[in-house]
Amino acid sequence: MANETYPEKYHRLQSLAGKLSSEIPGSMKGFAQLHQQSLQDGVLPRKIKELMALSISITTPCAGCIAYHVHDALKAGASREELLETIGLAVMMAGGPGLIYGCEALEALTQFEAGNKT
């Protein structure tokens, strides 16, 4: 959806993932377990893992992943400054395409900070 905000994108994808879960429950259950296990606190805290996932989302590039991981990094306690450093690192690693998706991540951060965090 071209004109949707990142919070809207996040909620739309949440809804679609729920529908997909009813269609392919085994695959979605497996992915949910992988997601939960990979991002839970361990030697690296969840916040750091979310920042790493955001960096990968920018370099991949995946706008939906950016929506999820900006949202979840904020929820895990990441600061604006930590998110901005993460965006900078991803831009360095990906060059021009990273710059474009880094801008997308900044827009997502701005939108979620503007009170659209749910």
PDB file of N, CA and C in Angstrom:
ATOM      1  N   MET A   1       0.843  -1.181   0.000  1.00  0.00           N
ATOM      2  CA  MET A   1       0.000   0.000   0.000  1.00  0.00           C
ATOM      3  C   MET A   1       0.886   1.242   0.000  1.00  0.00           C
ATOM      4  N   ALA A   2       0.842   1.982  -1.056  1.00  0.00           N
ATOM      5  CA  ALA A   2       1.770   3.086  -1.281  1.00  0.00           C
ATOM      6  C   ALA A   2       1.657   4.210  -0.256  1.00  0.00           C
ATOM      7  N   ASN A   3       0.466   4.553   0.151  1.00  0.00           N
ATOM      8  CA  ASN A   3       0.305   5.719   1.021  1.00  0.00           C
ATOM      9  C   ASN A   3       0.097   5.379   2.485  1.00  0.00           C
ATOM     10  N   GLU A   4       0.278   4.129   2.855  1.00  0.00           N
ATOM     11  CA  GLU A   4       0.057   3.790   4.252  1.00  0.00           C
ATOM     12  C   GLU A   4       1.273   4.166   5.093  1.00  0.00           C
ATOM     13  N   THR A   5       1.010   4.522   6.344  1.00  0.00           N
ATOM     14  CA  THR A   5       2.100   4.818   7.266  1.00  0.00           C
ATOM     15  C   THR A   5       2.709   3.498   7.739  1.00  0.00           C
ATOM     16  N   TYR A   6       3.861   3.581   8.362  1.00  0.00           N
ATOM     17  CA  TYR A   6       4.469   2.369   8.898  1.00  0.00           C
ATOM     18  C   TYR A   6       3.640   1.733   9.998  1.00  0.00           C
ATOM     19  N   PRO A   7       3.034   2.520  10.903  1.00  0.00           N
ATOM     20  CA  PRO A   7       2.132   1.882  11.867  1.00  0.00           C
ATOM     21  C   PRO A   7       0.957   1.170  11.175  1.00  0.00           C
ATOM     22  N   GLU A   8       0.405   1.770  10.130  1.00  0.00           N
ATOM     23  CA  GLU A   8      -0.668   1.108   9.377  1.00  0.00           C
ATOM     24  C   GLU A   8      -0.148  -0.165   8.712  1.00  0.00           C
ATOM     25  N   LYS A   9       1.044  -0.089   8.137  1.00  0.00           N
ATOM     26  CA  LYS A   9       1.661  -1.258   7.511  1.00  0.00           C
ATOM     27  C   LYS A   9       1.844  -2.368   8.540  1.00  0.00           C
ATOM     28  N   TYR A  10       2.329  -2.006   9.723  1.00  0.00           N
ATOM     29  CA  TYR A  10       2.538  -2.973  10.799  1.00  0.00           C
ATOM     30  C   TYR A  10       1.225  -3.691  11.122  1.00  0.00           C
ATOM     31  N   HIS A  11       0.156  -2.923  11.319  1.00  0.00           N
ATOM     32  CA  HIS A  11      -1.134  -3.506  11.685  1.00  0.00           C
ATOM     33  C   HIS A  11      -1.728  -4.327  10.535  1.00  0.00           C
ATOM     34  N   ARG A  12      -1.568  -3.865   9.302  1.00  0.00           N
ATOM     35  CA  ARG A  12      -2.064  -4.617   8.150  1.00  0.00           C
ATOM     36  C   ARG A  12      -1.344  -5.960   8.058  1.00  0.00           C
ATOM     37  N   LEU A  13      -0.025  -5.941   8.235  1.00  0.00           N
ATOM     38  CA  LEU A  13       0.737  -7.184   8.157  1.00  0.00           C
ATOM     39  C   LEU A  13       0.405  -8.115   9.329  1.00  0.00           C
ATOM     40  N   GLN A  14       0.160  -7.554  10.500  1.00  0.00           N
ATOM     41  CA  GLN A  14      -0.262  -8.370  11.645  1.00  0.00           C
ATOM     42  C   GLN A  14      -1.558  -9.113  11.293  1.00  0.00           C
ATOM     43  N   SER A  15      -2.506  -8.384  10.708  1.00  0.00           N
ATOM     44  CA  SER A  15      -3.786  -8.985  10.330  1.00  0.00           C
ATOM     45  C   SER A  15      -3.593 -10.060   9.260  1.00  0.00           C
ATOM     46  N   LEU A  16      -2.788  -9.756   8.263  1.00  0.00           N
ATOM     47  CA  LEU A  16      -2.543 -10.729   7.195  1.00  0.00           C
ATOM     48  C   LEU A  16      -1.819 -11.968   7.719  1.00  0.00           C
ATOM     49  N   ALA A  17      -0.892 -11.778   8.648  1.00  0.00           N
ATOM     50  CA  ALA A  17      -0.185 -12.918   9.230  1.00  0.00           C
ATOM     51  C   ALA A  17      -1.161 -13.803  10.004  1.00  0.00           C
ATOM     52  N   GLY A  18      -2.130 -13.190  10.668  1.00  0.00           N
ATOM     53  CA  GLY A  18      -3.157 -13.969  11.356  1.00  0.00           C
ATOM     54  C   GLY A  18      -3.977 -14.802  10.382  1.00  0.00           C
ATOM     55  N   LYS A  19      -4.327 -14.209   9.257  1.00  0.00           N
ATOM     56  CA  LYS A  19      -5.078 -14.945   8.227  1.00  0.00           C
ATOM     57  C   LYS A  19      -4.220 -16.056   7.637  1.00  0.00           C
ATOM     58  N   LEU A  20      -2.954 -15.766   7.399  1.00  0.00           N
ATOM     59  CA  LEU A  20      -2.063 -16.780   6.858  1.00  0.00           C
ATOM     60  C   LEU A  20      -1.901 -17.937   7.846  1.00  0.00           C
ATOM     61  N   SER A  21      -1.899 -17.623   9.129  1.00  0.00           N
ATOM     62  CA  SER A  21      -1.791 -18.664  10.163  1.00  0.00           C
ATOM     63  C   SER A  21      -2.945 -19.651  10.097  1.00  0.00           C
ATOM     64  N   SER A  22      -4.125 -19.155   9.748  1.00  0.00           N
ATOM     65  CA  SER A  22      -5.262 -20.075   9.647  1.00  0.00           C
ATOM     66  C   SER A  22      -5.180 -20.927   8.382  1.00  0.00           C
ATOM     67  N   GLU A  23      -4.466 -20.456   7.383  1.00  0.00           N
ATOM     68  CA  GLU A  23      -4.316 -21.199   6.137  1.00  0.00           C
ATOM     69  C   GLU A  23      -3.168 -22.205   6.181  1.00  0.00           C
ATOM     70  N   ILE A  24      -2.072 -21.826   6.811  1.00  0.00           N
ATOM     71  CA  ILE A  24      -0.898 -22.702   6.907  1.00  0.00           C
ATOM     72  C   ILE A  24      -0.393 -22.715   8.357  1.00  0.00           C
ATOM     73  N   PRO A  25      -1.181 -23.300   9.255  1.00  0.00           N
ATOM     74  CA  PRO A  25      -0.855 -23.222  10.682  1.00  0.00           C
ATOM     75  C   PRO A  25       0.494 -23.839  11.044  1.00  0.00           C
ATOM     76  N   GLY A  26       0.860 -24.939  10.431  1.00  0.00           N
ATOM     77  CA  GLY A  26       2.129 -25.579  10.784  1.00  0.00           C
ATOM     78  C   GLY A  26       3.318 -24.697  10.458  1.00  0.00           C
ATOM     79  N   SER A  27       3.337 -24.159   9.254  1.00  0.00           N
ATOM     80  CA  SER A  27       4.446 -23.291   8.842  1.00  0.00           C
ATOM     81  C   SER A  27       4.517 -22.039   9.696  1.00  0.00           C
ATOM     82  N   MET A  28       3.359 -21.447   9.952  1.00  0.00           N
ATOM     83  CA  MET A  28       3.342 -20.217  10.735  1.00  0.00           C
ATOM     84  C   MET A  28       3.712 -20.477  12.190  1.00  0.00           C
ATOM     85  N   LYS A  29       3.300 -21.622  12.731  1.00  0.00           N
ATOM     86  CA  LYS A  29       3.684 -21.963  14.094  1.00  0.00           C
ATOM     87  C   LYS A  29       5.195 -22.138  14.178  1.00  0.00           C
ATOM     88  N   GLY A  30       5.770 -22.806  13.182  1.00  0.00           N
ATOM     89  CA  GLY A  30       7.222 -22.989  13.155  1.00  0.00           C
ATOM     90  C   GLY A  30       7.956 -21.662  13.072  1.00  0.00           C
ATOM     91  N   PHE A  31       7.470 -20.767  12.201  1.00  0.00           N
ATOM     92  CA  PHE A  31       8.109 -19.456  12.081  1.00  0.00           C
ATOM     93  C   PHE A  31       7.965 -18.666  13.374  1.00  0.00           C
ATOM     94  N   ALA A  32       6.780 -18.730  13.991  1.00  0.00           N
ATOM     95  CA  ALA A  32       6.564 -17.992  15.244  1.00  0.00           C
ATOM     96  C   ALA A  32       7.515 -18.479  16.329  1.00  0.00           C
ATOM     97  N   GLN A  33       7.731 -19.778  16.403  1.00  0.00           N
ATOM     98  CA  GLN A  33       8.665 -20.315  17.392  1.00  0.00           C
ATOM     99  C   GLN A  33      10.091 -19.865  17.096  1.00  0.00           C
ATOM    100  N   LEU A  34      10.486 -19.900  15.824  1.00  0.00           N
ATOM    101  CA  LEU A  34      11.817 -19.433  15.439  1.00  0.00           C
ATOM    102  C   LEU A  34      11.986 -17.961  15.802  1.00  0.00           C
ATOM    103  N   HIS A  35      10.986 -17.168  15.487  1.00  0.00           N
ATOM    104  CA  HIS A  35      11.017 -15.733  15.781  1.00  0.00           C
ATOM    105  C   HIS A  35      11.151 -15.495  17.280  1.00  0.00           C
ATOM    106  N   GLN A  36      10.313 -16.168  18.058  1.00  0.00           N
ATOM    107  CA  GLN A  36      10.331 -15.989  19.517  1.00  0.00           C
ATOM    108  C   GLN A  36      11.667 -16.418  20.111  1.00  0.00           C
ATOM    109  N   GLN A  37      12.152 -17.577  19.726  1.00  0.00           N
ATOM    110  CA  GLN A  37      13.408 -18.084  20.274  1.00  0.00           C
ATOM    111  C   GLN A  37      14.597 -17.214  19.866  1.00  0.00           C
ATOM    112  N   SER A  38      14.599 -16.753  18.633  1.00  0.00           N
ATOM    113  CA  SER A  38      15.717 -15.950  18.130  1.00  0.00           C
ATOM    114  C   SER A  38      15.812 -14.588  18.797  1.00  0.00           C
ATOM    115  N   LEU A  39      14.668 -14.022  19.158  1.00  0.00           N
ATOM    116  CA  LEU A  39      14.665 -12.654  19.678  1.00  0.00           C
ATOM    117  C   LEU A  39      14.555 -12.557  21.195  1.00  0.00           C
ATOM    118  N   GLN A  40      14.425 -13.679  21.882  1.00  0.00           N
ATOM    119  CA  GLN A  40      14.324 -13.575  23.341  1.00  0.00           C
ATOM    120  C   GLN A  40      15.673 -13.186  23.938  1.00  0.00           C
ATOM    121  N   ASP A  41      15.607 -12.599  25.124  1.00  0.00           N
ATOM    122  CA  ASP A  41      16.834 -12.237  25.827  1.00  0.00           C
ATOM    123  C   ASP A  41      17.714 -13.467  26.001  1.00  0.00           C
ATOM    124  N   GLY A  42      18.983 -13.291  25.759  1.00  0.00           N
ATOM    125  CA  GLY A  42      19.980 -14.334  25.956  1.00  0.00           C
ATOM    126  C   GLY A  42      21.270 -13.634  26.309  1.00  0.00           C
ATOM    127  N   VAL A  43      22.371 -14.083  25.756  1.00  0.00           N
ATOM    128  CA  VAL A  43      23.631 -13.369  25.937  1.00  0.00           C
ATOM    129  C   VAL A  43      23.465 -11.949  25.386  1.00  0.00           C
ATOM    130  N   LEU A  44      22.766 -11.834  24.257  1.00  0.00           N
ATOM    131  CA  LEU A  44      22.401 -10.520  23.720  1.00  0.00           C
ATOM    132  C   LEU A  44      20.973 -10.214  24.149  1.00  0.00           C
ATOM    133  N   PRO A  45      20.748  -9.020  24.662  1.00  0.00           N
ATOM    134  CA  PRO A  45      19.376  -8.667  25.035  1.00  0.00           C
ATOM    135  C   PRO A  45      18.497  -8.478  23.793  1.00  0.00           C
ATOM    136  N   ARG A  46      17.189  -8.633  23.990  1.00  0.00           N
ATOM    137  CA  ARG A  46      16.225  -8.502  22.895  1.00  0.00           C
ATOM    138  C   ARG A  46      16.406  -7.175  22.149  1.00  0.00           C
ATOM    139  N   LYS A  47      16.655  -6.104  22.863  1.00  0.00           N
ATOM    140  CA  LYS A  47      16.809  -4.801  22.216  1.00  0.00           C
ATOM    141  C   LYS A  47      17.912  -4.847  21.159  1.00  0.00           C
ATOM    142  N   ILE A  48      19.041  -5.426  21.496  1.00  0.00           N
ATOM    143  CA  ILE A  48      20.158  -5.516  20.551  1.00  0.00           C
ATOM    144  C   ILE A  48      19.774  -6.395  19.366  1.00  0.00           C
ATOM    145  N   LYS A  49      19.081  -7.478  19.632  1.00  0.00           N
ATOM    146  CA  LYS A  49      18.656  -8.366  18.549  1.00  0.00           C
ATOM    147  C   LYS A  49      17.677  -7.664  17.610  1.00  0.00           C
ATOM    148  N   GLU A  50      16.784  -6.838  18.165  1.00  0.00           N
ATOM    149  CA  GLU A  50      15.855  -6.083  17.317  1.00  0.00           C
ATOM    150  C   GLU A  50      16.607  -5.065  16.460  1.00  0.00           C
ATOM    151  N   LEU A  51      17.628  -4.435  17.037  1.00  0.00           N
ATOM    152  CA  LEU A  51      18.433  -3.494  16.259  1.00  0.00           C
ATOM    153  C   LEU A  51      19.177  -4.222  15.143  1.00  0.00           C
ATOM    154  N   MET A  52      19.688  -5.409  15.436  1.00  0.00           N
ATOM    155  CA  MET A  52      20.354  -6.206  14.407  1.00  0.00           C
ATOM    156  C   MET A  52      19.363  -6.577  13.301  1.00  0.00           C
ATOM    157  N   ALA A  53      18.168  -6.987  13.692  1.00  0.00           N
ATOM    158  CA  ALA A  53      17.144  -7.349  12.711  1.00  0.00           C
ATOM    159  C   ALA A  53      16.757  -6.143  11.855  1.00  0.00           C
ATOM    160  N   LEU A  54      16.692  -4.961  12.467  1.00  0.00           N
ATOM    161  CA  LEU A  54      16.405  -3.753  11.695  1.00  0.00           C
ATOM    162  C   LEU A  54      17.501  -3.511  10.665  1.00  0.00           C
ATOM    163  N   SER A  55      18.745  -3.646  11.069  1.00  0.00           N
ATOM    164  CA  SER A  55      19.852  -3.442  10.135  1.00  0.00           C
ATOM    165  C   SER A  55      19.748  -4.401   8.951  1.00  0.00           C
ATOM    166  N   ILE A  56      19.448  -5.642   9.221  1.00  0.00           N
ATOM    167  CA  ILE A  56      19.282  -6.626   8.148  1.00  0.00           C
ATOM    168  C   ILE A  56      18.076  -6.271   7.286  1.00  0.00           C
ATOM    169  N   SER A  57      17.004  -5.773   7.903  1.00  0.00           N
ATOM    170  CA  SER A  57      15.809  -5.374   7.155  1.00  0.00           C
ATOM    171  C   SER A  57      16.113  -4.268   6.161  1.00  0.00           C
ATOM    172  N   ILE A  58      16.989  -3.363   6.543  1.00  0.00           N
ATOM    173  CA  ILE A  58      17.379  -2.261   5.656  1.00  0.00           C
ATOM    174  C   ILE A  58      18.246  -2.784   4.519  1.00  0.00           C
ATOM    175  N   THR A  59      19.190  -3.665   4.829  1.00  0.00           N
ATOM    176  CA  THR A  59      20.113  -4.142   3.799  1.00  0.00           C
ATOM    177  C   THR A  59      19.485  -5.184   2.895  1.00  0.00           C
ATOM    178  N   THR A  60      18.365  -5.787   3.294  1.00  0.00           N
ATOM    179  CA  THR A  60      17.761  -6.865   2.514  1.00  0.00           C
ATOM    180  C   THR A  60      17.154  -6.426   1.184  1.00  0.00           C
ATOM    181  N   PRO A  61      16.424  -5.455   0.984  1.00  0.00           N
ATOM    182  CA  PRO A  61      15.575  -4.514   1.736  1.00  0.00           C
ATOM    183  C   PRO A  61      14.143  -5.047   1.878  1.00  0.00           C
ATOM    184  N   CYS A  62      13.532  -4.764   3.027  1.00  0.00           N
ATOM    185  CA  CYS A  62      12.187  -5.264   3.314  1.00  0.00           C
ATOM    186  C   CYS A  62      11.424  -4.220   4.124  1.00  0.00           C
ATOM    187  N   ALA A  63      10.530  -3.486   3.477  1.00  0.00           N
ATOM    188  CA  ALA A  63       9.780  -2.418   4.146  1.00  0.00           C
ATOM    189  C   ALA A  63       8.900  -2.964   5.271  1.00  0.00           C
ATOM    190  N   GLY A  64       8.270  -4.113   5.059  1.00  0.00           N
ATOM    191  CA  GLY A  64       7.456  -4.703   6.120  1.00  0.00           C
ATOM    192  C   GLY A  64       8.291  -5.088   7.324  1.00  0.00           C
ATOM    193  N   CYS A  65       9.492  -5.617   7.067  1.00  0.00           N
ATOM    194  CA  CYS A  65      10.400  -5.973   8.164  1.00  0.00           C
ATOM    195  C   CYS A  65      10.842  -4.727   8.916  1.00  0.00           C
ATOM    196  N   ILE A  66      11.065  -3.632   8.190  1.00  0.00           N
ATOM    197  CA  ILE A  66      11.423  -2.367   8.828  1.00  0.00           C
ATOM    198  C   ILE A  66      10.314  -1.953   9.788  1.00  0.00           C
ATOM    199  N   ALA A  67       9.059  -2.042   9.340  1.00  0.00           N
ATOM    200  CA  ALA A  67       7.926  -1.676  10.203  1.00  0.00           C
ATOM    201  C   ALA A  67       7.937  -2.524  11.472  1.00  0.00           C
ATOM    202  N   TYR A  68       8.093  -3.821  11.314  1.00  0.00           N
ATOM    203  CA  TYR A  68       8.099  -4.708  12.477  1.00  0.00           C
ATOM    204  C   TYR A  68       9.251  -4.407  13.421  1.00  0.00           C
ATOM    205  N   HIS A  69      10.456  -4.283  12.890  1.00  0.00           N
ATOM    206  CA  HIS A  69      11.615  -4.201  13.776  1.00  0.00           C
ATOM    207  C   HIS A  69      11.821  -2.808  14.365  1.00  0.00           C
ATOM    208  N   VAL A  70      11.371  -1.748  13.703  1.00  0.00           N
ATOM    209  CA  VAL A  70      11.368  -0.435  14.360  1.00  0.00           C
ATOM    210  C   VAL A  70      10.367  -0.480  15.510  1.00  0.00           C
ATOM    211  N   HIS A  71       9.165  -0.971  15.232  1.00  0.00           N
ATOM    212  CA  HIS A  71       8.140  -1.084  16.279  1.00  0.00           C
ATOM    213  C   HIS A  71       8.655  -1.898  17.464  1.00  0.00           C
ATOM    214  N   ASP A  72       9.207  -3.069  17.163  1.00  0.00           N
ATOM    215  CA  ASP A  72       9.623  -3.978  18.230  1.00  0.00           C
ATOM    216  C   ASP A  72      10.887  -3.504  18.951  1.00  0.00           C
ATOM    217  N   ALA A  73      11.772  -2.792  18.247  1.00  0.00           N
ATOM    218  CA  ALA A  73      12.955  -2.227  18.911  1.00  0.00           C
ATOM    219  C   ALA A  73      12.541  -1.149  19.906  1.00  0.00           C
ATOM    220  N   LEU A  74      11.608  -0.300  19.500  1.00  0.00           N
ATOM    221  CA  LEU A  74      11.094   0.714  20.433  1.00  0.00           C
ATOM    222  C   LEU A  74      10.445   0.042  21.636  1.00  0.00           C
ATOM    223  N   LYS A  75       9.647  -0.985  21.379  1.00  0.00           N
ATOM    224  CA  LYS A  75       8.974  -1.715  22.462  1.00  0.00           C
ATOM    225  C   LYS A  75       9.990  -2.374  23.395  1.00  0.00           C
ATOM    226  N   ALA A  76      11.130  -2.792  22.841  1.00  0.00           N
ATOM    227  CA  ALA A  76      12.177  -3.433  23.653  1.00  0.00           C
ATOM    228  C   ALA A  76      13.055  -2.420  24.380  1.00  0.00           C
ATOM    229  N   GLY A  77      12.766  -1.125  24.189  1.00  0.00           N
ATOM    230  CA  GLY A  77      13.483  -0.101  24.937  1.00  0.00           C
ATOM    231  C   GLY A  77      14.580   0.620  24.177  1.00  0.00           C
ATOM    232  N   ALA A  78      14.686   0.400  22.875  1.00  0.00           N
ATOM    233  CA  ALA A  78      15.710   1.099  22.095  1.00  0.00           C
ATOM    234  C   ALA A  78      15.386   2.589  22.019  1.00  0.00           C
ATOM    235  N   SER A  79      16.408   3.396  22.105  1.00  0.00           N
ATOM    236  CA  SER A  79      16.235   4.847  22.009  1.00  0.00           C
ATOM    237  C   SER A  79      16.307   5.276  20.544  1.00  0.00           C
ATOM    238  N   ARG A  80      15.856   6.483  20.289  1.00  0.00           N
ATOM    239  CA  ARG A  80      15.965   7.061  18.951  1.00  0.00           C
ATOM    240  C   ARG A  80      17.416   7.026  18.490  1.00  0.00           C
ATOM    241  N   GLU A  81      18.337   7.402  19.386  1.00  0.00           N
ATOM    242  CA  GLU A  81      19.755   7.450  19.032  1.00  0.00           C
ATOM    243  C   GLU A  81      20.285   6.074  18.658  1.00  0.00           C
ATOM    244  N   GLU A  82      19.856   5.039  19.378  1.00  0.00           N
ATOM    245  CA  GLU A  82      20.284   3.677  19.052  1.00  0.00           C
ATOM    246  C   GLU A  82      19.737   3.239  17.691  1.00  0.00           C
ATOM    247  N   LEU A  83      18.487   3.600  17.427  1.00  0.00           N
ATOM    248  CA  LEU A  83      17.907   3.275  16.129  1.00  0.00           C
ATOM    249  C   LEU A  83      18.623   4.021  15.008  1.00  0.00           C
ATOM    250  N   LEU A  84      18.955   5.282  15.241  1.00  0.00           N
ATOM    251  CA  LEU A  84      19.658   6.056  14.211  1.00  0.00           C
ATOM    252  C   LEU A  84      21.051   5.491  13.939  1.00  0.00           C
ATOM    253  N   GLU A  85      21.768   5.074  14.966  1.00  0.00           N
ATOM    254  CA  GLU A  85      23.080   4.447  14.752  1.00  0.00           C
ATOM    255  C   GLU A  85      22.936   3.149  13.970  1.00  0.00           C
ATOM    256  N   THR A  86      21.898   2.406  14.265  1.00  0.00           N
ATOM    257  CA  THR A  86      21.632   1.167  13.536  1.00  0.00           C
ATOM    258  C   THR A  86      21.370   1.461  12.069  1.00  0.00           C
ATOM    259  N   ILE A  87      20.569   2.476  11.790  1.00  0.00           N
ATOM    260  CA  ILE A  87      20.299   2.875  10.406  1.00  0.00           C
ATOM    261  C   ILE A  87      21.604   3.266   9.720  1.00  0.00           C
ATOM    262  N   GLY A  88      22.449   4.030  10.407  1.00  0.00           N
ATOM    263  CA  GLY A  88      23.726   4.446   9.837  1.00  0.00           C
ATOM    264  C   GLY A  88      24.618   3.270   9.494  1.00  0.00           C
ATOM    265  N   LEU A  89      24.668   2.283  10.361  1.00  0.00           N
ATOM    266  CA  LEU A  89      25.468   1.090  10.109  1.00  0.00           C
ATOM    267  C   LEU A  89      24.946   0.341   8.887  1.00  0.00           C
ATOM    268  N   ALA A  90      23.632   0.206   8.792  1.00  0.00           N
ATOM    269  CA  ALA A  90      23.045  -0.492   7.648  1.00  0.00           C
ATOM    270  C   ALA A  90      23.336   0.242   6.346  1.00  0.00           C
ATOM    271  N   VAL A  91      23.263   1.560   6.366  1.00  0.00           N
ATOM    272  CA  VAL A  91      23.585   2.349   5.163  1.00  0.00           C
ATOM    273  C   VAL A  91      25.032   2.113   4.763  1.00  0.00           C
ATOM    274  N   MET A  92      25.935   2.101   5.727  1.00  0.00           N
ATOM    275  CA  MET A  92      27.341   1.852   5.431  1.00  0.00           C
ATOM    276  C   MET A  92      27.520   0.485   4.776  1.00  0.00           C
ATOM    277  N   MET A  93      26.817  -0.518   5.265  1.00  0.00           N
ATOM    278  CA  MET A  93      26.969  -1.876   4.749  1.00  0.00           C
ATOM    279  C   MET A  93      26.323  -2.059   3.377  1.00  0.00           C
ATOM    280  N   ALA A  94      25.252  -1.325   3.094  1.00  0.00           N
ATOM    281  CA  ALA A  94      24.491  -1.558   1.858  1.00  0.00           C
ATOM    282  C   ALA A  94      24.661  -0.477   0.801  1.00  0.00           C
ATOM    283  N   GLY A  95      25.348   0.605   1.104  1.00  0.00           N
ATOM    284  CA  GLY A  95      25.539   1.657   0.103  1.00  0.00           C
ATOM    285  C   GLY A  95      24.242   2.347  -0.268  1.00  0.00           C
ATOM    286  N   GLY A  96      24.072   2.640  -1.562  1.00  0.00           N
ATOM    287  CA  GLY A  96      22.912   3.390  -2.057  1.00  0.00           C
ATOM    288  C   GLY A  96      21.573   2.775  -1.681  1.00  0.00           C
ATOM    289  N   PRO A  97      21.353   1.475  -1.961  1.00  0.00           N
ATOM    290  CA  PRO A  97      20.077   0.885  -1.556  1.00  0.00           C
ATOM    291  C   PRO A  97      19.861   0.958  -0.046  1.00  0.00           C
ATOM    292  N   GLY A  98      20.934   0.820   0.723  1.00  0.00           N
ATOM    293  CA  GLY A  98      20.813   0.949   2.172  1.00  0.00           C
ATOM    294  C   GLY A  98      20.402   2.351   2.566  1.00  0.00           C
ATOM    295  N   LEU A  99      20.914   3.342   1.842  1.00  0.00           N
ATOM    296  CA  LEU A  99      20.531   4.732   2.111  1.00  0.00           C
ATOM    297  C   LEU A  99      19.034   4.917   1.911  1.00  0.00           C
ATOM    298  N   ILE A 100      18.501   4.390   0.814  1.00  0.00           N
ATOM    299  CA  ILE A 100      17.072   4.545   0.527  1.00  0.00           C
ATOM    300  C   ILE A 100      16.238   3.863   1.618  1.00  0.00           C
ATOM    301  N   TYR A 101      16.588   2.637   1.972  1.00  0.00           N
ATOM    302  CA  TYR A 101      15.813   1.941   2.997  1.00  0.00           C
ATOM    303  C   TYR A 101      16.137   2.454   4.393  1.00  0.00           C
ATOM    304  N   GLY A 102      17.293   3.066   4.581  1.00  0.00           N
ATOM    305  CA  GLY A 102      17.579   3.775   5.827  1.00  0.00           C
ATOM    306  C   GLY A 102      16.632   4.950   6.000  1.00  0.00           C
ATOM    307  N   CYS A 103      16.361   5.651   4.896  1.00  0.00           N
ATOM    308  CA  CYS A 103      15.384   6.747   4.927  1.00  0.00           C
ATOM    309  C   CYS A 103      13.998   6.210   5.280  1.00  0.00           C
ATOM    310  N   GLU A 104      13.655   5.040   4.742  1.00  0.00           N
ATOM    311  CA  GLU A 104      12.378   4.413   5.076  1.00  0.00           C
ATOM    312  C   GLU A 104      12.316   4.071   6.567  1.00  0.00           C
ATOM    313  N   ALA A 105      13.422   3.574   7.112  1.00  0.00           N
ATOM    314  CA  ALA A 105      13.461   3.243   8.537  1.00  0.00           C
ATOM    315  C   ALA A 105      13.322   4.500   9.396  1.00  0.00           C
ATOM    316  N   LEU A 106      13.938   5.602   8.967  1.00  0.00           N
ATOM    317  CA  LEU A 106      13.795   6.868   9.692  1.00  0.00           C
ATOM    318  C   LEU A 106      12.335   7.313   9.675  1.00  0.00           C
ATOM    319  N   GLU A 107      11.676   7.170   8.537  1.00  0.00           N
ATOM    320  CA  GLU A 107      10.265   7.537   8.448  1.00  0.00           C
ATOM    321  C   GLU A 107       9.429   6.655   9.374  1.00  0.00           C
ATOM    322  N   ALA A 108       9.736   5.365   9.422  1.00  0.00           N
ATOM    323  CA  ALA A 108       9.016   4.463  10.322  1.00  0.00           C
ATOM    324  C   ALA A 108       9.222   4.893  11.771  1.00  0.00           C
ATOM    325  N   LEU A 109      10.464   5.195  12.145  1.00  0.00           N
ATOM    326  CA  LEU A 109      10.765   5.644  13.502  1.00  0.00           C
ATOM    327  C   LEU A 109       9.984   6.900  13.831  1.00  0.00           C
ATOM    328  N   THR A 110       9.987   7.866  12.934  1.00  0.00           N
ATOM    329  CA  THR A 110       9.271   9.125  13.140  1.00  0.00           C
ATOM    330  C   THR A 110       7.781   8.876  13.330  1.00  0.00           C
ATOM    331  N   GLN A 111       7.216   8.008  12.515  1.00  0.00           N
ATOM    332  CA  GLN A 111       5.784   7.727  12.615  1.00  0.00           C
ATOM    333  C   GLN A 111       5.440   6.997  13.910  1.00  0.00           C
ATOM    334  N   PHE A 112       6.236   6.012  14.285  1.00  0.00           N
ATOM    335  CA  PHE A 112       5.946   5.299  15.537  1.00  0.00           C
ATOM    336  C   PHE A 112       6.127   6.218  16.741  1.00  0.00           C
ATOM    337  N   GLU A 113       7.119   7.089  16.713  1.00  0.00           N
ATOM    338  CA  GLU A 113       7.337   8.027  17.821  1.00  0.00           C
ATOM    339  C   GLU A 113       6.219   9.061  17.919  1.00  0.00           C
ATOM    340  N   ALA A 114       5.549   9.333  16.817  1.00  0.00           N
ATOM    341  CA  ALA A 114       4.511  10.357  16.799  1.00  0.00           C
ATOM    342  C   ALA A 114       3.229   9.909  17.497  1.00  0.00           C
ATOM    343  N   GLY A 115       3.288   8.781  18.165  1.00  0.00           N
ATOM    344  CA  GLY A 115       2.122   8.334  18.908  1.00  0.00           C
ATOM    345  C   GLY A 115       1.375   7.200  18.254  1.00  0.00           C
ATOM    346  N   ASN A 116       1.922   6.681  17.188  1.00  0.00           N
ATOM    347  CA  ASN A 116       1.285   5.571  16.476  1.00  0.00           C
ATOM    348  C   ASN A 116       1.964   4.264  16.840  1.00  0.00           C
ATOM    349  N   LYS A 117       2.326   4.070  18.093  1.00  0.00           N
ATOM    350  CA  LYS A 117       3.167   2.946  18.508  1.00  0.00           C
ATOM    351  C   LYS A 117       2.405   1.637  18.653  1.00  0.00           C
ATOM    352  N   THR A 118       1.105   1.663  18.693  1.00  0.00           N
ATOM    353  CA  THR A 118       0.370   0.422  18.946  1.00  0.00           C
ATOM    354  C   THR A 118       0.337  -0.494  17.764  1.00  0.00           C
TER     355      THR A 118
END
